[in-house]
Amino acid sequence: MNESLFVPTDSNGIEHAATGGIAWQLPTGGVTSVTEVGHPLVLRRPDALLDVLDERIYRAEPLDYVEISAVGIAVVPSARLVAATCWDTDVATRFALDCADNILTEAGDVSLPDGTSLANVIADARLVLDDLASDGSDRLGYLARVRALRRLRRERAEIADLSLGLLTADEVRDVDALDDPDYATIIPITDSVLAAIEALRHHLLPKAYMAIEDVREEHEEHQNPATQRPASEPGVVVTGLGNLLFGSVFLAYEPAWTAAREAARHARLAAKDRYGAKAETEQRAQQASLLESILEERPARSHYPSPPRSIANLANGHIANS
């Protein structure tokens, strides 16, 4: 076994595995420690990471030789995390944008019900991410809210219907249009792009998201009859990327790493819907190749490997030289 293996964790080094939380011993000052929890641990190649992307990703090493399965995982009794990768909200957002951009390149540009080009949305997002002027920043925030409401309405229809009263008429129309069966063929492509935009907004507005989470926790506390008191009124955090709603009705905004995972997943679904299972497999291989190129950057850094690489530049499973 000479392939690189990785472990996804939250900021506290907890891997959220199907069997429960696993507290990994994090490398500190170049010193690594063995993690052994009494049950098997799973180490992953980049292709197996695509479904479990988290806040951080660490390079991992087994203590002995291991076999890696066809789906890209190695099951071991113990292992050590040797170094953090460069994965952070900035990198997760760029990865999400590349995944969405690639499916648009392959399938052709798609327009939202209001005529907005998704290719232009991606271009605006890259400008904003690179701290360049863009006339589309308000639109990006608007689209993130539309996606959040669509997800909330699917998960909790009775609450989301109430929250329609907090939205503009344009937002209501876009939410309804994107759920219309006539748009079924473009929904996976659209959702891939919208997930990437949500990753962008979380990366740029972490404090605003923290404010929403604080209010969410307060709201949940009020549901306890023993401590119940008047809940906060719905409110708005005004930002340069559109307004964030919070209060008694919540729009379920996602962190950048979750949105990156969703952007990649929807891109694969779009490929399968349009071109079949083989195209989905190829899309996954391209995403894994890009993710591997990112994670192989050493040491951990707070920016995307330079120059930025797009999945569109992948050739024969490798990053094409520019």
C-alpha atoms as a PDB file:
ATOM      1  CA  MET A   1       0.000   0.000   0.000  1.00  0.00           C
ATOM      2  CA  ASN A   2       1.584   3.236  -1.142  1.00  0.00           C
ATOM      3  CA  GLU A   3      -1.505   5.361  -1.795  1.00  0.00           C
ATOM      4  CA  SER A   4      -2.321   8.402   0.308  1.00  0.00           C
ATOM      5  CA  LEU A   5      -5.131   7.890   2.805  1.00  0.00           C
ATOM      6  CA  PHE A   6      -7.150  10.495   4.663  1.00  0.00           C
ATOM      7  CA  VAL A   7      -9.592  11.024   7.522  1.00  0.00           C
ATOM      8  CA  PRO A   8     -12.289  13.762   7.631  1.00  0.00           C
ATOM      9  CA  THR A   9     -13.003  15.395  11.011  1.00  0.00           C
ATOM     10  CA  ASP A  10     -14.644  18.439  12.513  1.00  0.00           C
ATOM     11  CA  SER A  11     -12.618  21.256  14.077  1.00  0.00           C
ATOM     12  CA  ASN A  12     -12.190  19.232  17.277  1.00  0.00           C
ATOM     13  CA  GLY A  13     -10.757  16.181  15.530  1.00  0.00           C
ATOM     14  CA  ILE A  14     -13.993  14.177  15.770  1.00  0.00           C
ATOM     15  CA  GLU A  15     -14.816  11.952  12.835  1.00  0.00           C
ATOM     16  CA  HIS A  16     -18.587  11.609  12.458  1.00  0.00           C
ATOM     17  CA  ALA A  17     -18.713   7.975  11.424  1.00  0.00           C
ATOM     18  CA  ALA A  18     -21.784   5.778  11.032  1.00  0.00           C
ATOM     19  CA  THR A  19     -20.793   3.963  14.223  1.00  0.00           C
ATOM     20  CA  GLY A  20     -20.612   7.236  16.182  1.00  0.00           C
ATOM     21  CA  GLY A  21     -18.058   9.922  16.868  1.00  0.00           C
ATOM     22  CA  ILE A  22     -14.389   8.930  16.769  1.00  0.00           C
ATOM     23  CA  ALA A  23     -11.953  11.202  18.625  1.00  0.00           C
ATOM     24  CA  TRP A  24      -8.673  11.153  16.699  1.00  0.00           C
ATOM     25  CA  GLN A  25      -5.337  12.072  18.226  1.00  0.00           C
ATOM     26  CA  LEU A  26      -4.348  15.174  16.283  1.00  0.00           C
ATOM     27  CA  PRO A  27      -0.726  15.848  15.264  1.00  0.00           C
ATOM     28  CA  THR A  28       0.785  18.651  17.344  1.00  0.00           C
ATOM     29  CA  GLY A  29       4.119  20.319  16.703  1.00  0.00           C
ATOM     30  CA  GLY A  30       5.204  17.531  14.397  1.00  0.00           C
ATOM     31  CA  VAL A  31       4.409  14.877  17.013  1.00  0.00           C
ATOM     32  CA  THR A  32       1.882  12.200  16.059  1.00  0.00           C
ATOM     33  CA  SER A  33       0.030   9.750  18.290  1.00  0.00           C
ATOM     34  CA  VAL A  34      -1.701   6.469  17.547  1.00  0.00           C
ATOM     35  CA  THR A  35      -5.499   6.375  17.655  1.00  0.00           C
ATOM     36  CA  GLU A  36      -7.091   3.116  18.755  1.00  0.00           C
ATOM     37  CA  VAL A  37     -10.726   3.068  19.890  1.00  0.00           C
ATOM     38  CA  GLY A  38     -11.568  -0.607  20.264  1.00  0.00           C
ATOM     39  CA  HIS A  39     -13.300  -0.983  16.911  1.00  0.00           C
ATOM     40  CA  PRO A  40     -12.168  -0.672  13.277  1.00  0.00           C
ATOM     41  CA  LEU A  41     -11.130   2.680  11.866  1.00  0.00           C
ATOM     42  CA  VAL A  42     -11.688   3.672   8.235  1.00  0.00           C
ATOM     43  CA  LEU A  43      -9.011   5.409   6.168  1.00  0.00           C
ATOM     44  CA  ARG A  44     -10.039   6.762   2.767  1.00  0.00           C
ATOM     45  CA  ARG A  45      -8.640   7.528  -0.637  1.00  0.00           C
ATOM     46  CA  PRO A  46      -9.907  10.803  -2.179  1.00  0.00           C
ATOM     47  CA  ASP A  47     -12.629   8.994  -4.149  1.00  0.00           C
ATOM     48  CA  ALA A  48     -14.088   7.665  -0.903  1.00  0.00           C
ATOM     49  CA  LEU A  49     -13.809  11.094   0.747  1.00  0.00           C
ATOM     50  CA  LEU A  50     -16.266  12.672  -1.666  1.00  0.00           C
ATOM     51  CA  ASP A  51     -19.249  11.391   0.317  1.00  0.00           C
ATOM     52  CA  VAL A  52     -17.963  12.381   3.770  1.00  0.00           C
ATOM     53  CA  LEU A  53     -16.252  15.759   3.347  1.00  0.00           C
ATOM     54  CA  ASP A  54     -16.021  17.579   6.676  1.00  0.00           C
ATOM     55  CA  GLU A  55     -14.499  20.715   8.159  1.00  0.00           C
ATOM     56  CA  ARG A  56     -10.966  19.321   8.110  1.00  0.00           C
ATOM     57  CA  ILE A  57      -9.142  16.542   6.313  1.00  0.00           C
ATOM     58  CA  TYR A  58      -6.007  14.889   7.700  1.00  0.00           C
ATOM     59  CA  ARG A  59      -3.465  12.672   6.033  1.00  0.00           C
ATOM     60  CA  ALA A  60      -3.487   9.311   7.810  1.00  0.00           C
ATOM     61  CA  GLU A  61      -1.124   6.354   8.024  1.00  0.00           C
ATOM     62  CA  PRO A  62      -1.902   2.788   9.118  1.00  0.00           C
ATOM     63  CA  LEU A  63       0.608   1.088  11.393  1.00  0.00           C
ATOM     64  CA  ASP A  64       0.888  -1.950   9.141  1.00  0.00           C
ATOM     65  CA  TYR A  65       0.370  -2.871   5.509  1.00  0.00           C
ATOM     66  CA  VAL A  66      -3.296  -2.690   4.501  1.00  0.00           C
ATOM     67  CA  GLU A  67      -5.393  -3.569   1.508  1.00  0.00           C
ATOM     68  CA  ILE A  68      -7.507  -0.805   0.006  1.00  0.00           C
ATOM     69  CA  SER A  69     -10.922  -1.904  -1.207  1.00  0.00           C
ATOM     70  CA  ALA A  70     -12.366  -1.220  -4.636  1.00  0.00           C
ATOM     71  CA  VAL A  71     -14.411   1.649  -3.172  1.00  0.00           C
ATOM     72  CA  GLY A  72     -11.295   3.329  -1.781  1.00  0.00           C
ATOM     73  CA  ILE A  73     -11.307   2.489   1.922  1.00  0.00           C
ATOM     74  CA  ALA A  74      -8.921   0.654   4.245  1.00  0.00           C
ATOM     75  CA  VAL A  75     -10.254  -0.755   7.506  1.00  0.00           C
ATOM     76  CA  VAL A  76      -7.618  -0.870  10.254  1.00  0.00           C
ATOM     77  CA  PRO A  77      -7.499  -1.481  14.029  1.00  0.00           C
ATOM     78  CA  SER A  78      -5.342   1.603  14.624  1.00  0.00           C
ATOM     79  CA  ALA A  79      -3.721   4.478  12.714  1.00  0.00           C
ATOM     80  CA  ARG A  80      -2.188   7.899  13.157  1.00  0.00           C
ATOM     81  CA  LEU A  81      -2.976  11.287  11.665  1.00  0.00           C
ATOM     82  CA  VAL A  82       0.310  12.666  10.373  1.00  0.00           C
ATOM     83  CA  ALA A  83      -0.613  16.132   9.059  1.00  0.00           C
ATOM     84  CA  ALA A  84      -3.490  18.457   8.267  1.00  0.00           C
ATOM     85  CA  THR A  85      -4.145  19.125   4.596  1.00  0.00           C
ATOM     86  CA  CYS A  86      -4.906  22.538   3.113  1.00  0.00           C
ATOM     87  CA  TRP A  87      -8.653  21.820   3.208  1.00  0.00           C
ATOM     88  CA  ASP A  88     -10.612  24.768   4.640  1.00  0.00           C
ATOM     89  CA  THR A  89     -13.662  26.836   3.692  1.00  0.00           C
ATOM     90  CA  ASP A  90     -11.811  28.612   0.889  1.00  0.00           C
ATOM     91  CA  VAL A  91     -10.578  25.370  -0.654  1.00  0.00           C
ATOM     92  CA  ALA A  92     -13.964  23.679  -0.135  1.00  0.00           C
ATOM     93  CA  THR A  93     -15.678  26.555  -1.935  1.00  0.00           C
ATOM     94  CA  ARG A  94     -13.288  26.447  -4.893  1.00  0.00           C
ATOM     95  CA  PHE A  95     -13.702  22.690  -5.107  1.00  0.00           C
ATOM     96  CA  ALA A  96     -17.490  23.114  -5.123  1.00  0.00           C
ATOM     97  CA  LEU A  97     -17.290  25.753  -7.858  1.00  0.00           C
ATOM     98  CA  ASP A  98     -15.073  23.504  -9.970  1.00  0.00           C
ATOM     99  CA  CYS A  99     -17.498  20.581  -9.613  1.00  0.00           C
ATOM    100  CA  ALA A 100     -20.425  22.760 -10.672  1.00  0.00           C
ATOM    101  CA  ASP A 101     -18.417  24.388 -13.474  1.00  0.00           C
ATOM    102  CA  ASN A 102     -17.430  21.030 -14.888  1.00  0.00           C
ATOM    103  CA  ILE A 103     -20.978  19.738 -15.265  1.00  0.00           C
ATOM    104  CA  LEU A 104     -21.959  23.037 -16.925  1.00  0.00           C
ATOM    105  CA  THR A 105     -19.041  22.630 -19.339  1.00  0.00           C
ATOM    106  CA  GLU A 106     -20.141  19.111 -20.237  1.00  0.00           C
ATOM    107  CA  ALA A 107     -23.903  19.649 -20.329  1.00  0.00           C
ATOM    108  CA  GLY A 108     -23.965  23.206 -21.629  1.00  0.00           C
ATOM    109  CA  ASP A 109     -25.051  26.366 -19.874  1.00  0.00           C
ATOM    110  CA  VAL A 110     -28.367  26.354 -18.039  1.00  0.00           C
ATOM    111  CA  SER A 111     -30.554  29.346 -17.240  1.00  0.00           C
ATOM    112  CA  LEU A 112     -32.682  29.791 -14.143  1.00  0.00           C
ATOM    113  CA  PRO A 113     -36.413  30.513 -14.581  1.00  0.00           C
ATOM    114  CA  ASP A 114     -35.696  34.247 -14.455  1.00  0.00           C
ATOM    115  CA  GLY A 115     -33.154  33.934 -17.290  1.00  0.00           C
ATOM    116  CA  THR A 116     -30.005  34.061 -15.150  1.00  0.00           C
ATOM    117  CA  SER A 117     -27.136  32.094 -16.706  1.00  0.00           C
ATOM    118  CA  LEU A 118     -25.566  29.613 -14.285  1.00  0.00           C
ATOM    119  CA  ALA A 119     -22.232  29.999 -16.085  1.00  0.00           C
ATOM    120  CA  ASN A 120     -22.372  33.710 -15.255  1.00  0.00           C
ATOM    121  CA  VAL A 121     -23.251  32.860 -11.657  1.00  0.00           C
ATOM    122  CA  ILE A 122     -20.110  30.708 -11.376  1.00  0.00           C
ATOM    123  CA  ALA A 123     -18.003  33.472 -12.926  1.00  0.00           C
ATOM    124  CA  ASP A 124     -19.395  36.022 -10.453  1.00  0.00           C
ATOM    125  CA  ALA A 125     -18.698  33.645  -7.576  1.00  0.00           C
ATOM    126  CA  ARG A 126     -15.058  33.256  -8.594  1.00  0.00           C
ATOM    127  CA  LEU A 127     -14.642  37.035  -8.749  1.00  0.00           C
ATOM    128  CA  VAL A 128     -16.132  37.469  -5.285  1.00  0.00           C
ATOM    129  CA  LEU A 129     -14.015  34.631  -3.882  1.00  0.00           C
ATOM    130  CA  ASP A 130     -10.874  36.246  -5.280  1.00  0.00           C
ATOM    131  CA  ASP A 131     -11.905  39.557  -3.684  1.00  0.00           C
ATOM    132  CA  LEU A 132     -12.543  41.189  -7.049  1.00  0.00           C
ATOM    133  CA  ALA A 133     -15.403  43.528  -7.849  1.00  0.00           C
ATOM    134  CA  SER A 134     -18.553  41.842  -9.106  1.00  0.00           C
ATOM    135  CA  ASP A 135     -21.988  43.203  -9.879  1.00  0.00           C
ATOM    136  CA  GLY A 136     -23.406  39.785  -9.033  1.00  0.00           C
ATOM    137  CA  SER A 137     -22.748  39.671  -5.284  1.00  0.00           C
ATOM    138  CA  ASP A 138     -26.346  40.473  -4.337  1.00  0.00           C
ATOM    139  CA  ARG A 139     -27.537  37.840  -6.763  1.00  0.00           C
ATOM    140  CA  LEU A 140     -25.284  35.225  -5.181  1.00  0.00           C
ATOM    141  CA  GLY A 141     -26.808  35.853  -1.759  1.00  0.00           C
ATOM    142  CA  TYR A 142     -30.273  35.743  -3.264  1.00  0.00           C
ATOM    143  CA  LEU A 143     -29.585  32.354  -4.866  1.00  0.00           C
ATOM    144  CA  ALA A 144     -28.209  30.934  -1.623  1.00  0.00           C
ATOM    145  CA  ARG A 145     -31.460  31.874   0.100  1.00  0.00           C
ATOM    146  CA  VAL A 146     -33.524  30.290  -2.673  1.00  0.00           C
ATOM    147  CA  ARG A 147     -31.609  27.030  -2.306  1.00  0.00           C
ATOM    148  CA  ALA A 148     -31.921  27.058   1.479  1.00  0.00           C
ATOM    149  CA  LEU A 149     -35.674  27.571   1.269  1.00  0.00           C
ATOM    150  CA  ARG A 150     -36.117  24.807  -1.315  1.00  0.00           C
ATOM    151  CA  ARG A 151     -34.271  22.393   0.943  1.00  0.00           C
ATOM    152  CA  LEU A 152     -36.232  23.483   4.003  1.00  0.00           C
ATOM    153  CA  ARG A 153     -39.553  23.151   2.208  1.00  0.00           C
ATOM    154  CA  ARG A 154     -38.722  19.604   1.197  1.00  0.00           C
ATOM    155  CA  GLU A 155     -37.653  18.655   4.715  1.00  0.00           C
ATOM    156  CA  ARG A 156     -40.252  20.578   6.746  1.00  0.00           C
ATOM    157  CA  ALA A 157     -43.013  21.734   4.447  1.00  0.00           C
ATOM    158  CA  GLU A 158     -45.265  23.187   7.108  1.00  0.00           C
ATOM    159  CA  ILE A 159     -42.538  25.514   8.442  1.00  0.00           C
ATOM    160  CA  ALA A 160     -41.157  26.468   5.049  1.00  0.00           C
ATOM    161  CA  ASP A 161     -44.590  27.503   3.838  1.00  0.00           C
ATOM    162  CA  LEU A 162     -44.763  29.924   6.748  1.00  0.00           C
ATOM    163  CA  SER A 163     -41.352  31.318   5.878  1.00  0.00           C
ATOM    164  CA  LEU A 164     -42.563  32.269   2.404  1.00  0.00           C
ATOM    165  CA  GLY A 165     -43.973  35.374   4.020  1.00  0.00           C
ATOM    166  CA  LEU A 166     -40.412  36.525   4.761  1.00  0.00           C
ATOM    167  CA  LEU A 167     -39.338  36.346   1.121  1.00  0.00           C
ATOM    168  CA  THR A 168     -39.755  38.642  -1.839  1.00  0.00           C
ATOM    169  CA  ALA A 169     -42.169  37.825  -4.630  1.00  0.00           C
ATOM    170  CA  ASP A 170     -39.231  37.082  -6.949  1.00  0.00           C
ATOM    171  CA  GLU A 171     -37.782  34.547  -4.506  1.00  0.00           C
ATOM    172  CA  VAL A 172     -41.136  32.814  -4.119  1.00  0.00           C
ATOM    173  CA  ARG A 173     -41.495  32.565  -7.890  1.00  0.00           C
ATOM    174  CA  ASP A 174     -37.988  31.125  -8.292  1.00  0.00           C
ATOM    175  CA  VAL A 175     -38.513  28.553  -5.550  1.00  0.00           C
ATOM    176  CA  ASP A 176     -41.803  27.432  -7.116  1.00  0.00           C
ATOM    177  CA  ALA A 177     -40.344  27.365 -10.623  1.00  0.00           C
ATOM    178  CA  LEU A 178     -37.313  25.279  -9.647  1.00  0.00           C
ATOM    179  CA  ASP A 179     -39.612  22.712  -8.036  1.00  0.00           C
ATOM    180  CA  ASP A 180     -41.817  22.560 -11.148  1.00  0.00           C
ATOM    181  CA  PRO A 181     -41.634  19.211 -13.001  1.00  0.00           C
ATOM    182  CA  ASP A 182     -40.887  21.135 -16.202  1.00  0.00           C
ATOM    183  CA  TYR A 183     -37.479  21.943 -14.720  1.00  0.00           C
ATOM    184  CA  ALA A 184     -36.751  18.392 -13.541  1.00  0.00           C
ATOM    185  CA  THR A 185     -34.022  17.857 -16.124  1.00  0.00           C
ATOM    186  CA  ILE A 186     -31.984  20.826 -14.925  1.00  0.00           C
ATOM    187  CA  ILE A 187     -32.551  20.505 -11.174  1.00  0.00           C
ATOM    188  CA  PRO A 188     -29.352  18.478 -10.454  1.00  0.00           C
ATOM    189  CA  ILE A 189     -27.236  20.970 -12.422  1.00  0.00           C
ATOM    190  CA  THR A 190     -28.939  23.903 -10.727  1.00  0.00           C
ATOM    191  CA  ASP A 191     -28.538  22.350  -7.288  1.00  0.00           C
ATOM    192  CA  SER A 192     -24.824  21.771  -7.903  1.00  0.00           C
ATOM    193  CA  VAL A 193     -24.334  25.451  -8.703  1.00  0.00           C
ATOM    194  CA  LEU A 194     -26.522  26.658  -5.829  1.00  0.00           C
ATOM    195  CA  ALA A 195     -24.634  24.437  -3.385  1.00  0.00           C
ATOM    196  CA  ALA A 196     -21.370  25.997  -4.543  1.00  0.00           C
ATOM    197  CA  ILE A 197     -22.837  29.475  -3.979  1.00  0.00           C
ATOM    198  CA  GLU A 198     -23.889  28.487  -0.474  1.00  0.00           C
ATOM    199  CA  ALA A 199     -20.338  27.305   0.211  1.00  0.00           C
ATOM    200  CA  LEU A 200     -19.084  30.695  -0.973  1.00  0.00           C
ATOM    201  CA  ARG A 201     -21.375  32.603   1.342  1.00  0.00           C
ATOM    202  CA  HIS A 202     -20.458  30.507   4.370  1.00  0.00           C
ATOM    203  CA  HIS A 203     -16.758  31.038   3.629  1.00  0.00           C
ATOM    204  CA  LEU A 204     -17.155  34.799   3.324  1.00  0.00           C
ATOM    205  CA  LEU A 205     -19.667  35.314   6.134  1.00  0.00           C
ATOM    206  CA  PRO A 206     -18.725  33.006   9.034  1.00  0.00           C
ATOM    207  CA  LYS A 207     -19.740  35.547  11.691  1.00  0.00           C
ATOM    208  CA  ALA A 208     -23.185  35.947  10.171  1.00  0.00           C
ATOM    209  CA  TYR A 209     -23.660  32.189  10.171  1.00  0.00           C
ATOM    210  CA  MET A 210     -22.543  32.037  13.802  1.00  0.00           C
ATOM    211  CA  ALA A 211     -25.213  34.638  14.629  1.00  0.00           C
ATOM    212  CA  ILE A 212     -27.848  32.472  12.974  1.00  0.00           C
ATOM    213  CA  GLU A 213     -26.687  29.421  14.934  1.00  0.00           C
ATOM    214  CA  ASP A 214     -26.819  31.387  18.186  1.00  0.00           C
ATOM    215  CA  VAL A 215     -30.413  32.365  17.516  1.00  0.00           C
ATOM    216  CA  ARG A 216     -31.243  28.801  16.478  1.00  0.00           C
ATOM    217  CA  GLU A 217     -29.939  27.480  19.788  1.00  0.00           C
ATOM    218  CA  GLU A 218     -31.925  30.137  21.648  1.00  0.00           C
ATOM    219  CA  HIS A 219     -35.048  29.144  19.757  1.00  0.00           C
ATOM    220  CA  GLU A 220     -34.553  25.451  20.594  1.00  0.00           C
ATOM    221  CA  GLU A 221     -34.070  26.331  24.252  1.00  0.00           C
ATOM    222  CA  HIS A 222     -37.456  28.030  24.216  1.00  0.00           C
ATOM    223  CA  GLN A 223     -39.048  24.757  23.153  1.00  0.00           C
ATOM    224  CA  ASN A 224     -38.270  23.345  26.608  1.00  0.00           C
ATOM    225  CA  PRO A 225     -41.428  23.990  28.723  1.00  0.00           C
ATOM    226  CA  ALA A 226     -39.324  24.295  31.881  1.00  0.00           C
ATOM    227  CA  THR A 227     -37.464  27.318  30.504  1.00  0.00           C
ATOM    228  CA  GLN A 228     -39.947  28.609  27.973  1.00  0.00           C
ATOM    229  CA  ARG A 229     -40.132  32.342  27.413  1.00  0.00           C
ATOM    230  CA  PRO A 230     -40.930  34.511  24.381  1.00  0.00           C
ATOM    231  CA  ALA A 231     -38.776  33.487  21.416  1.00  0.00           C
ATOM    232  CA  SER A 232     -36.880  35.949  19.279  1.00  0.00           C
ATOM    233  CA  GLU A 233     -38.758  37.606  16.459  1.00  0.00           C
ATOM    234  CA  PRO A 234     -37.665  36.801  12.909  1.00  0.00           C
ATOM    235  CA  GLY A 235     -34.747  38.991  11.929  1.00  0.00           C
ATOM    236  CA  VAL A 236     -32.260  39.736   9.206  1.00  0.00           C
ATOM    237  CA  VAL A 237     -28.451  39.898   9.025  1.00  0.00           C
ATOM    238  CA  VAL A 238     -27.625  42.352   6.241  1.00  0.00           C
ATOM    239  CA  THR A 239     -24.523  41.351   4.250  1.00  0.00           C
ATOM    240  CA  GLY A 240     -22.823  42.171   0.984  1.00  0.00           C
ATOM    241  CA  LEU A 241     -23.994  38.803  -0.332  1.00  0.00           C
ATOM    242  CA  GLY A 242     -27.670  39.267   0.350  1.00  0.00           C
ATOM    243  CA  ASN A 243     -29.664  39.179   3.568  1.00  0.00           C
ATOM    244  CA  LEU A 244     -29.636  36.169   5.899  1.00  0.00           C
ATOM    245  CA  LEU A 245     -32.958  35.345   7.542  1.00  0.00           C
ATOM    246  CA  PHE A 246     -33.119  34.007  11.074  1.00  0.00           C
ATOM    247  CA  GLY A 247     -35.526  33.832  13.989  1.00  0.00           C
ATOM    248  CA  SER A 248     -38.629  31.766  14.670  1.00  0.00           C
ATOM    249  CA  VAL A 249     -38.451  30.305  11.162  1.00  0.00           C
ATOM    250  CA  PHE A 250     -35.025  29.124  10.020  1.00  0.00           C
ATOM    251  CA  LEU A 251     -33.553  28.698   6.590  1.00  0.00           C
ATOM    252  CA  ALA A 252     -31.218  25.715   6.811  1.00  0.00           C
ATOM    253  CA  TYR A 253     -27.926  27.183   5.642  1.00  0.00           C
ATOM    254  CA  GLU A 254     -25.097  24.666   5.330  1.00  0.00           C
ATOM    255  CA  PRO A 255     -21.372  25.025   6.037  1.00  0.00           C
ATOM    256  CA  ALA A 256     -18.954  25.215   3.130  1.00  0.00           C
ATOM    257  CA  TRP A 257     -17.705  21.643   3.449  1.00  0.00           C
ATOM    258  CA  THR A 258     -21.254  20.218   3.420  1.00  0.00           C
ATOM    259  CA  ALA A 259     -22.169  22.398   0.461  1.00  0.00           C
ATOM    260  CA  ALA A 260     -19.032  21.199  -1.362  1.00  0.00           C
ATOM    261  CA  ARG A 261     -20.097  17.615  -0.805  1.00  0.00           C
ATOM    262  CA  GLU A 262     -23.549  18.434  -2.180  1.00  0.00           C
ATOM    263  CA  ALA A 263     -22.188  20.329  -5.180  1.00  0.00           C
ATOM    264  CA  ALA A 264     -20.109  17.301  -6.133  1.00  0.00           C
ATOM    265  CA  ARG A 265     -23.002  14.882  -5.561  1.00  0.00           C
ATOM    266  CA  HIS A 266     -25.451  16.883  -7.661  1.00  0.00           C
ATOM    267  CA  ALA A 267     -22.904  17.195 -10.462  1.00  0.00           C
ATOM    268  CA  ARG A 268     -22.594  13.399 -10.521  1.00  0.00           C
ATOM    269  CA  LEU A 269     -26.396  13.034 -10.517  1.00  0.00           C
ATOM    270  CA  ALA A 270     -26.662  15.469 -13.413  1.00  0.00           C
ATOM    271  CA  ALA A 271     -24.096  13.477 -15.392  1.00  0.00           C
ATOM    272  CA  LYS A 272     -25.991  10.245 -14.731  1.00  0.00           C
ATOM    273  CA  ASP A 273     -29.364  11.766 -15.654  1.00  0.00           C
ATOM    274  CA  ARG A 274     -28.065  13.123 -18.943  1.00  0.00           C
ATOM    275  CA  TYR A 275     -25.504  10.568 -20.070  1.00  0.00           C
ATOM    276  CA  GLY A 276     -25.933   7.413 -17.980  1.00  0.00           C
ATOM    277  CA  ALA A 277     -24.109   5.512 -15.244  1.00  0.00           C
ATOM    278  CA  LYS A 278     -20.749   5.553 -17.026  1.00  0.00           C
ATOM    279  CA  ALA A 279     -20.774   9.348 -17.108  1.00  0.00           C
ATOM    280  CA  GLU A 280     -21.483   9.426 -13.382  1.00  0.00           C
ATOM    281  CA  THR A 281     -18.487   7.156 -12.764  1.00  0.00           C
ATOM    282  CA  GLU A 282     -16.282   9.372 -14.924  1.00  0.00           C
ATOM    283  CA  GLN A 283     -17.498  12.482 -13.120  1.00  0.00           C
ATOM    284  CA  ARG A 284     -16.649  10.919  -9.769  1.00  0.00           C
ATOM    285  CA  ALA A 285     -13.181   9.976 -10.996  1.00  0.00           C
ATOM    286  CA  GLN A 286     -12.569  13.551 -12.139  1.00  0.00           C
ATOM    287  CA  GLN A 287     -13.724  14.962  -8.810  1.00  0.00           C
ATOM    288  CA  ALA A 288     -11.518  12.505  -6.919  1.00  0.00           C
ATOM    289  CA  SER A 289      -8.521  13.438  -9.063  1.00  0.00           C
ATOM    290  CA  LEU A 290      -9.018  17.129  -8.331  1.00  0.00           C
ATOM    291  CA  LEU A 291      -9.516  16.485  -4.624  1.00  0.00           C
ATOM    292  CA  GLU A 292      -6.344  14.400  -4.537  1.00  0.00           C
ATOM    293  CA  SER A 293      -4.353  17.176  -6.205  1.00  0.00           C
ATOM    294  CA  ILE A 294      -5.609  19.594  -3.552  1.00  0.00           C
ATOM    295  CA  LEU A 295      -4.911  17.334  -0.588  1.00  0.00           C
ATOM    296  CA  GLU A 296      -1.424  16.446  -1.793  1.00  0.00           C
ATOM    297  CA  GLU A 297      -0.353  20.065  -1.282  1.00  0.00           C
ATOM    298  CA  ARG A 298       1.967  20.252   1.736  1.00  0.00           C
ATOM    299  CA  PRO A 299       2.052  21.642   4.359  1.00  0.00           C
ATOM    300  CA  ALA A 300      -1.453  22.730   5.368  1.00  0.00           C
ATOM    301  CA  ARG A 301      -2.234  26.155   3.946  1.00  0.00           C
ATOM    302  CA  SER A 302      -5.118  28.588   4.211  1.00  0.00           C
ATOM    303  CA  HIS A 303      -5.554  29.096   0.474  1.00  0.00           C
ATOM    304  CA  TYR A 304      -6.184  27.080  -2.644  1.00  0.00           C
ATOM    305  CA  PRO A 305      -3.096  25.557  -4.270  1.00  0.00           C
ATOM    306  CA  SER A 306      -1.788  28.124  -6.732  1.00  0.00           C
ATOM    307  CA  PRO A 307      -2.573  28.434  -9.563  1.00  0.00           C
ATOM    308  CA  PRO A 308      -6.259  27.406  -9.123  1.00  0.00           C
ATOM    309  CA  ARG A 309      -7.024  24.195 -10.959  1.00  0.00           C
ATOM    310  CA  SER A 310     -10.305  23.355 -12.593  1.00  0.00           C
ATOM    311  CA  ILE A 311     -11.760  19.912 -13.149  1.00  0.00           C
ATOM    312  CA  ALA A 312     -12.215  21.040 -16.722  1.00  0.00           C
ATOM    313  CA  ASN A 313      -8.423  20.793 -17.106  1.00  0.00           C
ATOM    314  CA  LEU A 314      -8.276  17.155 -16.065  1.00  0.00           C
ATOM    315  CA  ALA A 315      -6.960  14.805 -18.732  1.00  0.00           C
ATOM    316  CA  ASN A 316      -6.608  11.040 -18.436  1.00  0.00           C
ATOM    317  CA  GLY A 317      -7.003  11.165 -14.701  1.00  0.00           C
ATOM    318  CA  HIS A 318      -4.254  13.738 -14.155  1.00  0.00           C
ATOM    319  CA  ILE A 319      -4.100  17.507 -13.834  1.00  0.00           C
ATOM    320  CA  ALA A 320      -3.070  18.940 -17.188  1.00  0.00           C
ATOM    321  CA  ASN A 321      -0.042  21.192 -17.123  1.00  0.00           C
ATOM    322  CA  SER A 322      -0.904  24.800 -17.897  1.00  0.00           C
END
